Amino acid sequence: MSPSAVLPGAEPFSSSGGPDGVLVLHGFTGCPQSMRGLAEAFAAAGFTTELPLLPGHGTSIEDMIPTRWEDWYGAAEAAYHDLDSRCDRVAVAGLSMGGTLACRLAVDHADVAGLVLVNPAVQPPADSFVEMMQGTLDAGMQTISGVGNDIARPESTELAYDATPVAAVMSLFEATRQMEPHLGRISCPVLLITSRQDHVVPPESSDLLASSVSGPVDRLWLERSYHVATLDYEADEIERRAVEFARKLFG
């Protein structure tokens, strides 16, 4: 069965700019809409910017149900290699699962110049939670309620699925478990942006990252935004700090 049409607003974003590039990655069940403002800010600052649509996202939940971590990471890595072939240096920015993907790229590719991570999902969930999810899957339930649109600002809405594909999220959990022992291999500078109130990924996930990586970490705490902070009250501050970080990084 062919994939559904891309939802209006979920399209990928691409901008040719200067010699340095930024790969921007969206989150689980979301789409480029949640990161478009940040991608456009990088592009406006003169960076060559790519914001791909990850497999199974931005169309219909039926398209995402069969996808797994290997599909999303494969797409992210292909986008990284493409950008790296056209640029002198490349940084990676990610929200939530996009942050997971960004970290994995930095683990696997020492030439990643820097990371901008917004509420990254890097902490493996408790075994009891994984067992509960497995029980849901064993009971024949392919999806559960959605995790998208965790935003404090009432006039903002994330373009995300209203359901969570269980087997797919289980593959994300396994990816975090496999990556955790290798976080110390991340030696590039990191701008770590964490919402104090996050109903999807607990701030402790960012704490784990900050204490595990071997490179310098610049921490920005958000007081008014929830998980999808790039669409929330402090979106402008995120964009400003991210561009500032990239300019300093590429110097």
Foldseek 3Di string as FASTA:
>chain_A
DDFADFDVQQAKDWADFDQEAEEEEEAAQFGCNLVVVLQVLLVVLGHGYTYHGFFQHRGAVVRVLPDAPCRRLVVSVVVVVVSVVRHVAYAYEYAACSQVSRLVCVLVDVRHLEYEYALYQQDQDDPVVLVVLVVCVVVPDQWDADDPQQWQDVVFGTPGYRIHGSVRVSNVNVSSVVCLVRLQSRAHEYEYEYECAEPRRHCVSVVSSCVRYNHHYHYHYDDRTYRSRCRYDCVVVSSVVVSVVVVVSVD
